[in-house]
Structure formats: C-alpha cells, structure tokens
Amino acid sequence: MIKRTIEENITQQLQGKRKIIVLYGPRQVGKTTLVNSVISGFRGKVMKINADEQLYNEVLSSRDFSKLKGLTEGYDLLFIDEAQRITDIGINLKILFDNLPELRIIVTGSSSLDLANRVNEPLTGRIITNNLFPISILEWQNFKGLNDFEITQQLEELILYGMYPEIFSWQNFNQKRKYLEDLCNSYLYKDILSLANIKYPEKLNQLLKLIAYQSGQLVSLQELANTLQIHRDALTNYINLLEKSFVIFRLSGFSKNLRKEVVKMDKIYFYDTGVRNTLINDFNSLQLRNDKGQLWENFILAERMKVNAYDETFVNSYFWRTYSGAKLDLVEEKDGRLTGYELKWGSKKSKAPVSWTENYTNSSFFCINTENFIQWLKQ
C-alpha cells in the first residue's frame, strides 16, 4: 500500500485533543483506505458505516439522541464514509459529539460541495479538516524507492495517465485508459449531479472539455458561457461546484499595479492530468504533442499544491502576467515574501522578467524544469 503523507497527521489528530476529524477528497482517491490504515492501530471498538448504503442513514439523520446513542453505544470510534449522503449530518454529529464525550469520530466526504455546508456551521470549533488528493509524485517515489533520476524516467507516463491510486495497479496502457474513462463517466461528477441542482447536466461535461483545451491559458468566463449558451452566473456556479468537488482548481492573477497587470481572468487547472487527457481523448507521447508545456505546467502545479497542503504551508498562489506579455507561471506569497516561478519542460532555463524584478525588488525567482522539480517539491 502506498504510504500517504498525511496519514501521520491524522493519526496524531486521532490521538490528540478530541475533535471530529473530517477528510475531504474526490472519489477513488483512497480516503477509505487511508482511514482504515489509521484506525487499524486504534485501541478500542470501531463502528464503520458507509453512507452510500441506506441501512444507517435514517438513524444518522434523525436528530434523535436516543436513536444515535442506541446505534453507537459500546463503540469507542465511529467512522462514517461518504458522509455527504446523510441529511443534516452536521447537526447529528454535533449531538453525538456533545453528548457522548468518549466517542471519537472520523468522517470522509468525496466532496466538500455539500458536506462542508452542513458541517462547518453546526460543528464550529469541533472539527479538524484534511484534504486528500491523488497520489503525489513524492509518495510514489518513496513507495517505489526510486532516486530522483529514476523518477524522472517515469515522468511522461505519470503525466499522461495521472496519479489516481488505482491507475498504478494497471500495467497495460489500454487498461489505464479504460479505468480513467470509467472514473470520469461514473465517479467524477457523481456527487455534483446528485447533490447540486444542475439544470443542464450535459453542459458540465462540455465545460470540462473546453477547460481541458484551455488549461494553463487565461480563461474568459464570458466566452465560455457564450460557447455553452448558458448564463454567466450558471457557468460560475458550475466552476465553483467543480472546484469544491476536487476536479479543477484556479489561479488568479497577482497584482499590485492594476493598470499593467492582468487580474480579471483566471487560469484553470485539473487536479489530475490523466483526467484532463481523458476529457480530450489524447494520450499520445509528449514528443508528438503541442500541449506538452501546458501538461507539464498543470502537472507540476498540482504537485506543488499537494505539497503545500500536506505540509500545512500557508501560502497564497497566483500567476502573474502583464499586458505587455511578461509572465510567470506561479507566484507564491508567504509571510509577506514573493517568489516567482517559470515552469519549463525539459532542461530549459529562463531568467526573471525585467518588469518583475523592477517592480518587486525584494522578490525571488526560480526556473523549475524536469531536472530540478523533485528537489523543489522536497523543499
């Protein structure tokens, strides 16, 4: 089993001051496996409930303490998997937490879309939240025991087929593609479609294809809305839902000078490049593709995001671009300090744009390519 970086953190949370532990992440990303690994060392009686099954849902949504106590009595730990399926889950967890002070609780949700809305307010001060993403390249490197050179030899395959845990169990590339197609068709939008009131669900897939082709580029929401023939407000809602369901993430433009710098449009990326390639049905070798720069940028930004999340690094992330054409793929703002990055495929190198160094004199700059990215992620 691939060791997940945040397993130790969750183990410490379980052993520490009593809180309800919430683990968010997309379906098929390994949340259940991770929690089962954590609680395997728990000293006490554990109740496991899969909320996709209806057996316990009536009790867990009842707001009736006698029923909730009757269900959990005799157990030391309650683990609810896919808790977004349970109506009023936050209020019912509050009742359990406040009235059964010896009961430890862990819940997972495949989407923060609905679970967060029903949990955060009633459980203020009672929860610790964690996010789990597809396998990180550092987790894969540790699992395989590879050095930095060896991991770069696998880089193209990792970029093409992505980092979902099950993808590594398939050796045949056709099997990998079939898995990704099933993932996109059966799981990726499941919670969005079932939990959100989407008027035109077919627009969701069309939107994702458009975003996939524009990955790493400035995205005009109005142009997307016009292409899909939907209202801009509906489009914004779709994008927000896809973000909360861990399908895509956005970078906004960094600016201290609104006249010179682009800030009105975002860039949109996928949490997993295998999903992105599935949407556009392109798994050709990077040598044959004209979007390898976009793919590399998407892949390395997703990896950086995982590292920052797992290390609990408090950093604001942006892109930077001026109307004159100067640009940086990533700007990180941490403790008032700015660091700009240009992301280059292969061994290419670049210098900081003059307008960046002139306007942000105390900032740093680094070029990240396939030769130094592992060390960068390990910093």
Protein backbone atom coordinates (compact mmCIF):
# COMPACT_ATOMS: atom_id res chain seq x y z
CA MET A 1 0.00 0.00 0.00
CA ILE A 2 1.29 3.46 -0.90
CA LYS A 3 2.02 5.43 2.27
CA ARG A 4 0.09 8.70 2.26
CA THR A 5 1.86 11.79 3.55
CA ILE A 6 -0.98 12.93 5.80
CA GLU A 7 -1.51 9.57 7.50
CA GLU A 8 0.74 10.53 10.40
CA ASN A 9 -1.07 13.85 10.80
CA ILE A 10 -4.46 12.14 11.01
CA THR A 11 -3.09 9.55 13.43
CA GLN A 12 -1.89 12.35 15.69
CA GLN A 13 -5.25 14.07 15.40
CA LEU A 14 -6.98 10.88 16.48
CA GLN A 15 -4.67 10.54 19.45
CA GLY A 16 -4.79 14.20 20.41
CA LYS A 17 -7.45 16.51 21.78
CA ARG A 18 -10.87 15.15 20.87
CA LYS A 19 -12.20 16.62 17.63
CA ILE A 20 -14.33 15.34 14.78
CA ILE A 21 -11.83 14.52 12.02
CA VAL A 22 -13.10 15.28 8.51
CA LEU A 23 -11.28 14.02 5.43
CA TYR A 24 -12.28 15.54 2.09
CA GLY A 25 -11.27 14.33 -1.35
CA PRO A 26 -12.63 13.06 -4.67
CA ARG A 27 -13.95 9.54 -5.03
CA GLN A 28 -11.43 6.82 -5.82
CA VAL A 29 -8.59 8.82 -4.28
CA GLY A 30 -8.02 6.46 -1.34
CA LYS A 31 -9.84 8.09 1.58
CA THR A 32 -11.33 4.83 2.90
CA THR A 33 -8.01 3.02 2.58
CA LEU A 34 -6.23 5.83 4.42
CA VAL A 35 -8.71 5.95 7.30
CA ASN A 36 -8.71 2.15 7.63
CA SER A 37 -4.93 2.27 7.91
CA VAL A 38 -5.13 4.97 10.59
CA ILE A 39 -7.74 3.20 12.70
CA SER A 40 -6.08 -0.22 12.37
CA GLY A 41 -3.90 0.80 15.30
CA PHE A 42 -6.76 2.26 17.33
CA ARG A 43 -7.24 0.64 20.72
CA GLY A 44 -10.97 0.36 21.07
CA LYS A 45 -14.11 -0.87 19.36
CA VAL A 46 -14.74 0.68 15.93
CA MET A 47 -18.04 1.10 14.07
CA LYS A 48 -17.66 1.58 10.32
CA ILE A 49 -20.57 2.96 8.28
CA ASN A 50 -20.67 3.52 4.53
CA ALA A 51 -23.23 6.25 3.94
CA ASP A 52 -23.66 5.16 0.32
CA GLU A 53 -25.63 2.30 1.87
CA GLN A 54 -29.04 3.27 3.27
CA LEU A 55 -29.00 0.95 6.28
CA TYR A 56 -27.99 3.54 8.91
CA ASN A 57 -28.98 6.76 7.17
CA GLU A 58 -32.35 7.13 8.87
CA VAL A 59 -30.80 6.99 12.32
CA LEU A 60 -27.83 9.20 11.48
CA SER A 61 -30.13 11.90 10.08
CA SER A 62 -32.77 11.63 12.82
CA ARG A 63 -31.62 14.38 15.23
CA ASP A 64 -32.80 11.94 17.92
CA PHE A 65 -30.14 11.37 20.57
CA SER A 66 -31.73 8.18 21.85
CA LYS A 67 -31.51 6.65 18.36
CA LEU A 68 -27.98 7.93 17.81
CA LYS A 69 -26.87 6.61 21.18
CA GLY A 70 -28.53 3.27 20.51
CA LEU A 71 -26.58 2.96 17.25
CA THR A 72 -23.17 3.87 18.65
CA GLU A 73 -23.40 2.54 22.20
CA GLY A 74 -20.49 0.26 23.08
CA TYR A 75 -18.21 1.74 20.43
CA ASP A 76 -15.17 3.92 21.00
CA LEU A 77 -14.76 5.19 17.43
CA LEU A 78 -17.32 5.95 14.74
CA PHE A 79 -16.12 6.07 11.12
CA ILE A 80 -18.63 7.35 8.57
CA ASP A 81 -17.51 7.02 4.95
CA GLU A 82 -19.04 9.27 2.23
CA ALA A 83 -20.88 11.27 4.88
CA GLN A 84 -22.25 13.76 2.36
CA ARG A 85 -25.04 11.23 1.72
CA ILE A 86 -26.57 11.78 5.17
CA THR A 87 -29.15 14.52 5.62
CA ASP A 88 -28.27 17.07 8.34
CA ILE A 89 -25.03 15.23 9.04
CA GLY A 90 -23.50 18.24 10.83
CA ILE A 91 -26.30 18.60 13.39
CA ASN A 92 -26.34 14.88 14.10
CA LEU A 93 -22.57 14.78 14.53
CA LYS A 94 -22.88 17.72 16.94
CA ILE A 95 -25.42 15.78 19.00
CA LEU A 96 -23.10 12.76 19.15
CA PHE A 97 -20.01 14.85 19.92
CA ASP A 98 -21.66 16.91 22.69
CA ASN A 99 -23.47 14.04 24.40
CA LEU A 100 -21.00 11.16 24.06
CA PRO A 101 -17.70 12.68 25.22
CA GLU A 102 -15.80 9.38 24.98
CA LEU A 103 -16.76 8.70 21.35
CA ARG A 104 -14.16 9.52 18.70
CA ILE A 105 -15.48 10.37 15.22
CA ILE A 106 -13.91 10.32 11.74
CA VAL A 107 -15.92 11.15 8.62
CA THR A 108 -14.94 11.28 4.95
CA GLY A 109 -16.61 13.15 2.12
CA SER A 110 -15.96 12.77 -1.55
CA SER A 111 -16.97 16.37 -2.00
CA SER A 112 -16.78 19.47 0.14
CA LEU A 113 -19.66 20.59 -2.08
CA ASP A 114 -22.39 19.65 0.38
CA LEU A 115 -20.68 18.17 3.39
CA ALA A 116 -18.83 21.38 4.25
CA ASN A 117 -22.02 23.42 4.16
CA ARG A 118 -23.75 21.02 6.52
CA VAL A 119 -20.78 20.51 8.83
CA ASN A 120 -18.91 23.77 9.31
CA GLU A 121 -21.62 25.86 10.95
CA PRO A 122 -23.08 23.34 13.45
CA LEU A 123 -19.62 21.98 14.28
CA THR A 124 -17.74 25.24 14.73
CA GLY A 125 -14.78 24.59 17.00
CA ARG A 126 -15.40 20.84 16.99
CA ILE A 127 -13.72 19.71 13.76
CA ILE A 128 -10.33 19.29 12.10
CA THR A 129 -10.42 19.16 8.29
CA ASN A 130 -7.96 17.48 5.94
CA ASN A 131 -7.82 17.17 2.14
CA LEU A 132 -6.62 14.07 0.31
CA PHE A 133 -5.57 14.34 -3.33
CA PRO A 134 -4.44 11.81 -5.94
CA ILE A 135 -1.08 10.19 -5.19
CA SER A 136 1.74 12.72 -5.11
CA ILE A 137 4.91 12.09 -7.05
CA LEU A 138 6.85 12.19 -3.77
CA GLU A 139 4.58 9.50 -2.29
CA TRP A 140 5.13 7.39 -5.40
CA GLN A 141 8.87 7.91 -5.25
CA ASN A 142 9.00 6.82 -1.61
CA PHE A 143 6.81 3.79 -2.29
CA LYS A 144 8.95 2.61 -5.19
CA GLY A 145 12.26 3.56 -3.56
CA LEU A 146 13.38 5.50 -6.63
CA ASN A 147 16.05 8.17 -6.78
CA ASP A 148 15.39 11.49 -8.49
CA PHE A 149 16.81 10.35 -11.82
CA GLU A 150 14.74 7.17 -11.82
CA ILE A 151 11.52 9.04 -11.07
CA THR A 152 12.13 11.40 -14.00
CA GLN A 153 12.31 8.35 -16.29
CA GLN A 154 8.67 7.63 -15.36
CA LEU A 155 7.58 11.24 -15.65
CA GLU A 156 5.90 11.03 -19.05
CA GLU A 157 3.71 8.10 -18.03
CA LEU A 158 2.73 9.84 -14.78
CA ILE A 159 1.77 12.99 -16.68
CA LEU A 160 -0.21 11.11 -19.33
CA TYR A 161 -2.18 8.78 -17.04
CA GLY A 162 -2.29 10.77 -13.84
CA MET A 163 -1.93 9.86 -10.21
CA TYR A 164 -5.17 8.21 -9.06
CA PRO A 165 -4.21 5.25 -6.83
CA GLU A 166 -5.81 2.53 -8.95
CA ILE A 167 -4.01 3.69 -12.09
CA PHE A 168 -0.82 2.15 -10.68
CA SER A 169 -2.40 -1.29 -10.47
CA TRP A 170 -2.80 -1.46 -14.26
CA GLN A 171 0.25 -2.31 -16.38
CA ASN A 172 -1.43 -2.14 -19.77
CA PHE A 173 -1.94 1.37 -21.15
CA ASN A 174 -5.33 0.42 -22.62
CA GLN A 175 -6.42 -0.72 -19.17
CA LYS A 176 -5.27 2.57 -17.71
CA ARG A 177 -7.33 4.46 -20.28
CA LYS A 178 -10.37 2.29 -19.59
CA TYR A 179 -10.07 2.98 -15.87
CA LEU A 180 -9.84 6.72 -16.46
CA GLU A 181 -12.86 6.66 -18.76
CA ASP A 182 -14.84 4.79 -16.10
CA LEU A 183 -13.64 7.24 -13.47
CA CYS A 184 -14.81 10.23 -15.49
CA ASN A 185 -18.11 8.67 -16.53
CA SER A 186 -19.09 7.03 -13.25
CA TYR A 187 -17.47 8.84 -10.33
CA LEU A 188 -16.09 12.24 -11.18
CA TYR A 189 -19.40 14.10 -11.31
CA LYS A 190 -21.48 11.73 -9.18
CA ASP A 191 -21.76 13.98 -6.16
CA ILE A 192 -22.19 17.14 -8.20
CA LEU A 193 -25.11 15.69 -10.13
CA SER A 194 -26.75 14.10 -7.09
CA LEU A 195 -26.23 16.87 -4.55
CA ALA A 196 -26.47 20.02 -6.67
CA ASN A 197 -29.43 21.29 -8.58
CA ILE A 198 -27.88 21.39 -12.05
CA LYS A 199 -30.36 22.38 -14.72
CA TYR A 200 -28.34 21.18 -17.72
CA PRO A 201 -26.02 18.34 -16.62
CA GLU A 202 -24.75 17.75 -20.17
CA LYS A 203 -23.21 21.24 -20.05
CA LEU A 204 -20.92 20.08 -17.26
CA ASN A 205 -19.00 17.68 -19.48
CA GLN A 206 -18.89 20.19 -22.32
CA LEU A 207 -17.49 22.78 -19.93
CA LEU A 208 -14.77 20.43 -18.72
CA LYS A 209 -13.67 19.69 -22.28
CA LEU A 210 -13.40 23.39 -23.02
CA ILE A 211 -11.39 23.95 -19.85
CA ALA A 212 -9.15 20.98 -20.71
CA TYR A 213 -8.20 22.56 -24.03
CA GLN A 214 -7.54 25.89 -22.32
CA SER A 215 -5.53 24.50 -19.39
CA GLY A 216 -2.78 26.95 -18.49
CA GLN A 217 -4.29 29.73 -20.57
CA LEU A 218 -6.25 32.79 -19.50
CA VAL A 219 -9.90 31.82 -19.34
CA SER A 220 -12.72 34.19 -20.20
CA LEU A 221 -15.85 33.16 -18.33
CA GLN A 222 -17.99 35.18 -20.69
CA GLU A 223 -16.55 33.39 -23.73
CA LEU A 224 -17.16 30.01 -22.08
CA ALA A 225 -20.74 31.00 -21.24
CA ASN A 226 -21.32 32.14 -24.82
CA THR A 227 -19.89 28.92 -26.25
CA LEU A 228 -22.03 26.77 -23.95
CA GLN A 229 -25.05 29.04 -24.48
CA ILE A 230 -25.70 29.39 -20.76
CA HIS A 231 -25.88 32.40 -18.46
CA ARG A 232 -22.60 33.53 -16.95
CA ASP A 233 -23.99 33.05 -13.42
CA ALA A 234 -24.78 29.42 -14.23
CA LEU A 235 -21.28 28.95 -15.61
CA THR A 236 -19.73 30.42 -12.47
CA ASN A 237 -21.83 28.05 -10.39
CA TYR A 238 -20.63 25.05 -12.42
CA ILE A 239 -16.99 26.05 -12.00
CA ASN A 240 -17.44 26.54 -8.26
CA LEU A 241 -19.01 23.09 -7.99
CA LEU A 242 -16.16 21.50 -9.93
CA GLU A 243 -13.65 23.20 -7.64
CA LYS A 244 -15.41 22.04 -4.49
CA SER A 245 -15.55 18.53 -5.88
CA PHE A 246 -11.77 18.45 -6.42
CA VAL A 247 -11.95 18.22 -10.21
CA ILE A 248 -10.34 21.58 -11.03
CA PHE A 249 -8.57 24.42 -9.27
CA ARG A 250 -7.99 28.03 -10.22
CA LEU A 251 -5.14 30.50 -10.06
CA SER A 252 -5.90 34.21 -10.04
CA GLY A 253 -3.63 36.92 -11.33
CA PHE A 254 -1.26 38.61 -8.88
CA SER A 255 -1.14 42.38 -8.98
CA LYS A 256 0.00 45.44 -7.12
CA ASN A 257 -0.50 47.65 -10.15
CA LEU A 258 -3.91 47.17 -11.76
CA ARG A 259 -3.02 49.17 -14.87
CA LYS A 260 -0.16 46.96 -16.00
CA GLU A 261 -1.07 43.52 -14.72
CA VAL A 262 -3.75 41.06 -15.82
CA VAL A 263 -6.13 40.27 -12.98
CA LYS A 264 -9.61 39.97 -14.50
CA MET A 265 -9.17 36.42 -15.86
CA ASP A 266 -8.14 33.23 -14.09
CA LYS A 267 -6.25 30.15 -15.14
CA ILE A 268 -7.93 26.79 -14.54
CA TYR A 269 -6.12 23.51 -14.00
CA PHE A 270 -7.05 19.90 -13.24
CA TYR A 271 -6.15 18.12 -10.04
CA ASP A 272 -5.18 15.17 -12.22
CA THR A 273 -3.68 15.33 -15.71
CA GLY A 274 -4.93 11.82 -16.51
CA VAL A 275 -8.47 13.15 -16.17
CA ARG A 276 -7.58 16.09 -18.39
CA ASN A 277 -6.19 13.79 -21.10
CA THR A 278 -9.25 11.57 -20.88
CA LEU A 279 -11.56 14.52 -21.47
CA ILE A 280 -9.76 15.47 -24.69
CA ASN A 281 -9.08 11.81 -25.60
CA ASP A 282 -5.36 12.33 -26.15
CA PHE A 283 -2.72 10.01 -24.70
CA ASN A 284 -0.11 10.49 -27.38
CA SER A 285 3.55 10.66 -26.38
CA LEU A 286 4.63 14.09 -25.22
CA GLN A 287 7.08 14.21 -28.14
CA LEU A 288 4.10 14.22 -30.52
CA ARG A 289 2.05 16.82 -28.67
CA ASN A 290 1.93 20.57 -28.98
CA ASP A 291 0.44 20.90 -25.48
CA LYS A 292 3.29 19.30 -23.51
CA GLY A 293 4.12 22.66 -21.96
CA GLN A 294 0.53 23.02 -20.77
CA LEU A 295 0.52 19.47 -19.42
CA TRP A 296 3.78 19.98 -17.56
CA GLU A 297 2.55 23.24 -16.06
CA ASN A 298 -0.68 21.60 -14.91
CA PHE A 299 1.10 18.55 -13.52
CA ILE A 300 3.74 20.42 -11.54
CA LEU A 301 1.27 22.98 -10.16
CA ALA A 302 -0.95 20.15 -8.89
CA GLU A 303 2.10 18.53 -7.26
CA ARG A 304 3.09 21.81 -5.63
CA MET A 305 -0.45 22.24 -4.36
CA LYS A 306 -0.34 18.76 -2.74
CA VAL A 307 2.97 19.50 -1.03
CA ASN A 308 1.74 22.83 0.34
CA ALA A 309 -1.50 21.28 1.60
CA TYR A 310 0.12 18.26 3.25
CA ASP A 311 2.90 20.33 4.83
CA GLU A 312 0.30 22.86 6.02
CA THR A 313 2.26 25.61 4.30
CA PHE A 314 0.28 28.83 4.48
CA VAL A 315 0.91 30.29 1.06
CA ASN A 316 -1.14 32.24 -1.47
CA SER A 317 -0.66 31.09 -5.06
CA TYR A 318 -1.16 33.14 -8.21
CA PHE A 319 0.05 33.51 -11.77
CA TRP A 320 1.49 36.83 -12.97
CA ARG A 321 1.15 38.44 -16.37
CA THR A 322 1.37 41.95 -17.77
CA TYR A 323 -0.43 43.34 -20.77
CA SER A 324 2.94 43.73 -22.47
CA GLY A 325 3.47 39.95 -22.37
CA ALA A 326 5.79 39.40 -19.39
CA LYS A 327 4.65 36.43 -17.31
CA LEU A 328 5.34 33.99 -14.51
CA ASP A 329 3.55 30.65 -14.27
CA LEU A 330 3.41 30.75 -10.47
CA VAL A 331 3.80 33.37 -7.77
CA GLU A 332 3.81 32.29 -4.14
CA GLU A 333 3.20 34.80 -1.38
CA LYS A 334 4.30 33.58 2.04
CA ASP A 335 4.79 35.68 5.17
CA GLY A 336 4.89 38.83 3.02
CA ARG A 337 7.59 37.47 0.70
CA LEU A 338 7.10 36.89 -3.01
CA THR A 339 8.67 34.13 -5.08
CA GLY A 340 8.10 33.86 -8.81
CA TYR A 341 8.49 30.68 -10.83
CA GLU A 342 8.67 29.85 -14.51
CA LEU A 343 7.87 26.21 -15.28
CA LYS A 344 9.76 24.76 -18.25
CA TRP A 345 9.51 21.31 -19.81
CA GLY A 346 12.83 19.52 -20.27
CA SER A 347 16.08 21.20 -19.25
CA LYS A 348 15.13 24.66 -20.47
CA LYS A 349 16.05 27.61 -18.29
CA SER A 350 14.83 31.17 -18.12
CA LYS A 351 15.51 34.44 -16.34
CA ALA A 352 13.13 36.57 -14.35
CA PRO A 353 11.23 39.12 -16.45
CA VAL A 354 12.74 42.58 -16.12
CA SER A 355 9.38 44.10 -15.21
CA TRP A 356 9.08 41.58 -12.35
CA THR A 357 12.47 42.35 -10.83
CA GLU A 358 11.98 46.11 -11.29
CA ASN A 359 8.55 46.20 -9.66
CA TYR A 360 9.15 43.56 -6.97
CA THR A 361 12.69 44.29 -5.88
CA ASN A 362 12.63 42.08 -2.79
CA SER A 363 11.20 39.05 -4.56
CA SER A 364 12.93 35.82 -5.59
CA PHE A 365 12.80 33.94 -8.88
CA PHE A 366 13.42 30.32 -9.89
CA CYS A 367 13.05 28.34 -13.09
CA ILE A 368 11.63 24.88 -12.42
CA ASN A 369 12.22 22.18 -15.05
CA THR A 370 12.31 18.38 -15.21
CA GLU A 371 15.85 18.36 -13.83
CA ASN A 372 15.20 20.21 -10.57
CA PHE A 373 11.47 19.85 -9.83
CA ILE A 374 11.84 16.96 -7.36
CA GLN A 375 14.22 18.95 -5.18
CA TRP A 376 11.86 21.92 -5.39
CA LEU A 377 8.94 19.84 -4.19
CA LYS A 378 11.03 18.49 -1.32
CA GLN A 379 11.99 21.93 -0.02
